[in-house]
N, C-alpha and C. Protein backbone atom coordinates (compact mmCIF):
# COMPACT_ATOMS: atom_id res chain seq x y z
N MET A 1 -9.33 15.30 -0.27
CA MET A 1 -9.04 13.88 -0.42
C MET A 1 -7.53 13.70 -0.60
N PRO A 2 -6.95 12.73 0.10
CA PRO A 2 -5.51 12.51 -0.04
C PRO A 2 -5.14 12.08 -1.46
N GLN A 3 -3.96 12.48 -1.87
CA GLN A 3 -3.50 12.14 -3.21
C GLN A 3 -3.09 10.66 -3.26
N ARG A 4 -3.53 9.99 -4.31
CA ARG A 4 -3.17 8.60 -4.55
C ARG A 4 -2.72 8.48 -5.98
N LYS A 5 -1.94 7.44 -6.23
CA LYS A 5 -1.58 7.18 -7.61
C LYS A 5 -1.52 5.69 -7.83
N LEU A 6 -1.76 5.31 -9.07
CA LEU A 6 -1.72 3.91 -9.46
C LEU A 6 -0.40 3.61 -10.14
N LEU A 7 0.15 2.46 -9.82
CA LEU A 7 1.39 2.00 -10.43
C LEU A 7 1.08 0.69 -11.15
N VAL A 8 1.68 0.49 -12.30
CA VAL A 8 1.44 -0.71 -13.10
C VAL A 8 2.75 -1.43 -13.33
N LYS A 9 2.72 -2.74 -13.14
CA LYS A 9 3.89 -3.58 -13.38
C LYS A 9 3.46 -4.71 -14.30
N ILE A 10 4.18 -4.88 -15.39
CA ILE A 10 3.87 -5.95 -16.35
C ILE A 10 4.87 -7.07 -16.18
N GLN A 11 4.34 -8.27 -15.96
CA GLN A 11 5.18 -9.46 -15.79
C GLN A 11 4.69 -10.52 -16.77
N GLY A 12 5.32 -10.60 -17.92
CA GLY A 12 4.90 -11.57 -18.93
C GLY A 12 3.49 -11.27 -19.39
N VAL A 13 2.54 -12.19 -19.11
CA VAL A 13 1.15 -12.02 -19.53
C VAL A 13 0.27 -11.54 -18.37
N ARG A 14 0.88 -11.01 -17.35
CA ARG A 14 0.16 -10.48 -16.19
C ARG A 14 0.41 -8.98 -16.05
N VAL A 15 -0.64 -8.28 -15.67
CA VAL A 15 -0.54 -6.85 -15.40
C VAL A 15 -0.98 -6.65 -13.95
N LEU A 16 -0.05 -6.17 -13.13
CA LEU A 16 -0.35 -5.91 -11.72
C LEU A 16 -0.57 -4.42 -11.52
N VAL A 17 -1.61 -4.09 -10.78
CA VAL A 17 -1.91 -2.70 -10.47
C VAL A 17 -1.76 -2.51 -8.96
N PHE A 18 -1.00 -1.49 -8.60
CA PHE A 18 -0.77 -1.15 -7.20
C PHE A 18 -1.32 0.25 -6.95
N GLU A 19 -1.72 0.51 -5.73
CA GLU A 19 -2.14 1.84 -5.34
C GLU A 19 -1.14 2.38 -4.32
N GLU A 20 -0.65 3.57 -4.59
CA GLU A 20 0.23 4.24 -3.64
C GLU A 20 -0.58 5.35 -2.99
N LYS A 21 -0.62 5.33 -1.66
CA LYS A 21 -1.40 6.35 -0.94
C LYS A 21 -0.70 6.68 0.37
N PRO A 22 -1.09 7.78 0.99
CA PRO A 22 -0.46 8.15 2.26
C PRO A 22 -0.70 7.10 3.34
N HIS A 23 0.30 6.88 4.15
CA HIS A 23 0.16 5.97 5.28
C HIS A 23 -0.84 6.60 6.25
N PRO A 24 -1.72 5.80 6.86
CA PRO A 24 -2.74 6.39 7.73
C PRO A 24 -2.18 7.05 9.00
N VAL A 25 -0.97 6.67 9.43
CA VAL A 25 -0.42 7.23 10.66
C VAL A 25 0.89 7.97 10.42
N LYS A 26 1.77 7.37 9.64
CA LYS A 26 3.09 7.96 9.40
C LYS A 26 3.05 8.96 8.25
N SER A 27 4.14 9.67 8.06
CA SER A 27 4.18 10.70 7.03
C SER A 27 4.57 10.17 5.65
N ASN A 28 4.96 8.89 5.57
CA ASN A 28 5.35 8.34 4.28
C ASN A 28 4.15 7.71 3.57
N SER A 29 4.37 7.18 2.38
CA SER A 29 3.29 6.54 1.63
C SER A 29 3.46 5.02 1.67
N ILE A 30 2.38 4.32 1.35
CA ILE A 30 2.41 2.87 1.29
C ILE A 30 1.93 2.43 -0.10
N THR A 31 2.40 1.29 -0.54
CA THR A 31 2.00 0.75 -1.83
C THR A 31 1.33 -0.59 -1.58
N LEU A 32 0.09 -0.70 -2.06
CA LEU A 32 -0.71 -1.90 -1.84
C LEU A 32 -1.10 -2.53 -3.17
N PRO A 33 -1.03 -3.86 -3.29
CA PRO A 33 -1.51 -4.51 -4.51
C PRO A 33 -3.02 -4.31 -4.62
N LEU A 34 -3.48 -3.94 -5.79
CA LEU A 34 -4.89 -3.60 -5.97
C LEU A 34 -5.61 -4.60 -6.86
N ALA A 35 -5.01 -4.92 -8.01
CA ALA A 35 -5.68 -5.81 -8.96
C ALA A 35 -4.62 -6.53 -9.80
N LEU A 36 -5.04 -7.66 -10.32
CA LEU A 36 -4.19 -8.45 -11.22
C LEU A 36 -5.03 -8.81 -12.43
N PHE A 37 -4.49 -8.51 -13.60
CA PHE A 37 -5.11 -8.91 -14.86
C PHE A 37 -4.23 -10.02 -15.43
N ASP A 38 -4.82 -11.18 -15.63
CA ASP A 38 -4.07 -12.36 -16.08
C ASP A 38 -4.62 -12.79 -17.43
N TYR A 39 -3.72 -12.92 -18.42
CA TYR A 39 -4.13 -13.27 -19.78
C TYR A 39 -3.94 -14.77 -19.98
N LYS A 40 -5.07 -15.49 -20.15
CA LYS A 40 -5.03 -16.94 -20.36
C LYS A 40 -6.03 -17.32 -21.44
N ASN A 41 -5.61 -18.19 -22.31
CA ASN A 41 -6.50 -18.73 -23.35
C ASN A 41 -7.19 -17.62 -24.16
N GLY A 42 -6.45 -16.56 -24.44
CA GLY A 42 -6.98 -15.47 -25.27
C GLY A 42 -7.94 -14.54 -24.56
N GLN A 43 -7.99 -14.62 -23.22
CA GLN A 43 -8.90 -13.75 -22.48
C GLN A 43 -8.22 -13.20 -21.24
N TRP A 44 -8.72 -12.04 -20.79
CA TRP A 44 -8.21 -11.39 -19.59
C TRP A 44 -9.10 -11.74 -18.41
N LEU A 45 -8.47 -12.15 -17.32
CA LEU A 45 -9.17 -12.46 -16.08
C LEU A 45 -8.78 -11.42 -15.05
N LEU A 46 -9.78 -10.85 -14.38
CA LEU A 46 -9.55 -9.84 -13.35
C LEU A 46 -9.56 -10.53 -11.99
N LEU A 47 -8.50 -10.30 -11.21
CA LEU A 47 -8.41 -10.90 -9.88
C LEU A 47 -8.21 -9.81 -8.83
N PHE A 48 -8.64 -10.11 -7.60
CA PHE A 48 -8.47 -9.19 -6.48
C PHE A 48 -7.78 -9.93 -5.35
N ARG A 49 -7.23 -9.18 -4.39
CA ARG A 49 -6.58 -9.80 -3.22
C ARG A 49 -7.64 -10.15 -2.19
N GLY A 50 -7.77 -11.43 -1.90
CA GLY A 50 -8.73 -11.88 -0.90
C GLY A 50 -8.24 -11.59 0.50
N SER A 51 -9.06 -11.88 1.47
CA SER A 51 -8.73 -11.59 2.87
C SER A 51 -7.50 -12.38 3.35
N ASN A 52 -7.21 -13.50 2.69
CA ASN A 52 -6.02 -14.27 3.05
C ASN A 52 -4.78 -13.83 2.28
N GLY A 53 -4.91 -12.80 1.44
CA GLY A 53 -3.78 -12.27 0.71
C GLY A 53 -3.52 -12.91 -0.64
N SER A 54 -4.29 -13.93 -1.00
CA SER A 54 -4.09 -14.58 -2.30
C SER A 54 -4.98 -13.94 -3.36
N TRP A 55 -4.56 -14.06 -4.61
CA TRP A 55 -5.33 -13.52 -5.72
C TRP A 55 -6.52 -14.43 -5.99
N GLN A 56 -7.70 -13.83 -6.16
CA GLN A 56 -8.93 -14.57 -6.42
C GLN A 56 -9.68 -13.94 -7.58
N PRO A 57 -10.32 -14.77 -8.42
CA PRO A 57 -11.13 -14.20 -9.51
C PRO A 57 -12.29 -13.38 -8.95
N LEU A 58 -12.62 -12.33 -9.64
CA LEU A 58 -13.73 -11.49 -9.23
C LEU A 58 -15.03 -12.27 -9.43
N PRO A 59 -15.83 -12.46 -8.38
CA PRO A 59 -17.05 -13.27 -8.52
C PRO A 59 -18.05 -12.63 -9.47
N GLY A 60 -18.65 -13.46 -10.30
CA GLY A 60 -19.69 -12.97 -11.20
C GLY A 60 -19.19 -12.27 -12.44
N GLU A 61 -17.89 -12.18 -12.62
CA GLU A 61 -17.34 -11.51 -13.79
C GLU A 61 -16.50 -12.50 -14.59
N PRO A 62 -16.98 -12.91 -15.75
CA PRO A 62 -16.22 -13.85 -16.56
C PRO A 62 -15.01 -13.16 -17.22
N PRO A 63 -14.02 -13.95 -17.64
CA PRO A 63 -12.90 -13.36 -18.38
C PRO A 63 -13.43 -12.68 -19.65
N GLY A 64 -12.67 -11.72 -20.14
CA GLY A 64 -13.07 -11.01 -21.35
C GLY A 64 -11.91 -10.87 -22.32
N LYS A 65 -12.23 -10.64 -23.58
CA LYS A 65 -11.19 -10.50 -24.61
C LYS A 65 -10.52 -9.12 -24.56
N SER A 66 -11.17 -8.16 -23.93
CA SER A 66 -10.65 -6.79 -23.91
C SER A 66 -10.11 -6.43 -22.52
N LEU A 67 -8.84 -6.06 -22.48
CA LEU A 67 -8.26 -5.58 -21.22
C LEU A 67 -8.96 -4.30 -20.77
N ASP A 68 -9.31 -3.43 -21.73
CA ASP A 68 -10.00 -2.18 -21.39
C ASP A 68 -11.30 -2.45 -20.63
N GLU A 69 -12.06 -3.46 -21.06
CA GLU A 69 -13.32 -3.78 -20.38
C GLU A 69 -13.06 -4.26 -18.96
N GLN A 70 -12.02 -5.05 -18.77
CA GLN A 70 -11.69 -5.53 -17.43
C GLN A 70 -11.24 -4.37 -16.53
N VAL A 71 -10.52 -3.41 -17.10
CA VAL A 71 -10.11 -2.22 -16.33
C VAL A 71 -11.35 -1.43 -15.91
N GLU A 72 -12.32 -1.30 -16.79
CA GLU A 72 -13.56 -0.59 -16.44
C GLU A 72 -14.29 -1.29 -15.30
N ILE A 73 -14.27 -2.62 -15.28
CA ILE A 73 -14.89 -3.37 -14.19
C ILE A 73 -14.17 -3.07 -12.88
N MET A 74 -12.84 -3.01 -12.94
CA MET A 74 -12.06 -2.69 -11.74
C MET A 74 -12.41 -1.29 -11.24
N ILE A 75 -12.48 -0.34 -12.15
CA ILE A 75 -12.78 1.05 -11.77
C ILE A 75 -14.17 1.17 -11.16
N ALA A 76 -15.15 0.49 -11.76
CA ALA A 76 -16.53 0.55 -11.25
C ALA A 76 -16.62 -0.09 -9.86
N ASP A 77 -15.85 -1.15 -9.64
CA ASP A 77 -15.76 -1.83 -8.34
C ASP A 77 -17.13 -2.13 -7.73
N ASN A 78 -17.99 -2.78 -8.49
CA ASN A 78 -19.33 -3.10 -8.02
C ASN A 78 -19.34 -4.04 -6.82
N TYR A 79 -18.26 -4.79 -6.62
CA TYR A 79 -18.18 -5.71 -5.49
C TYR A 79 -17.40 -5.11 -4.30
N GLN A 80 -16.93 -3.90 -4.46
CA GLN A 80 -16.21 -3.17 -3.41
C GLN A 80 -15.02 -3.95 -2.86
N VAL A 81 -14.19 -4.43 -3.77
CA VAL A 81 -13.01 -5.17 -3.36
C VAL A 81 -11.70 -4.47 -3.75
N PHE A 82 -11.78 -3.38 -4.52
CA PHE A 82 -10.56 -2.73 -4.98
C PHE A 82 -10.23 -1.43 -4.26
N TRP A 83 -11.19 -0.58 -4.05
CA TRP A 83 -10.92 0.76 -3.53
C TRP A 83 -11.20 0.84 -2.04
N ASP A 84 -10.31 1.54 -1.35
CA ASP A 84 -10.42 1.75 0.10
C ASP A 84 -10.54 0.45 0.88
N GLN A 85 -9.57 -0.41 0.62
CA GLN A 85 -9.55 -1.69 1.32
C GLN A 85 -9.06 -1.50 2.73
């Protein structure tokens, strides 16, 4: 399996997660936005990049008070929107 790594960027009350992986054709790597955790009203909202490139809330998953729980939802990827896009 090709090596991948996750990069995290914190912007105020937002946490952006990027995936760096090998380019499918070229020898260099590419960095793709993977997930956005947005803190509003005391809760974390998990968002994914929709087909139009905009951030959208994950369907069926309400905001939560724990960032760790939202990260676990991203890792589980029950809606198949985060990994191998």
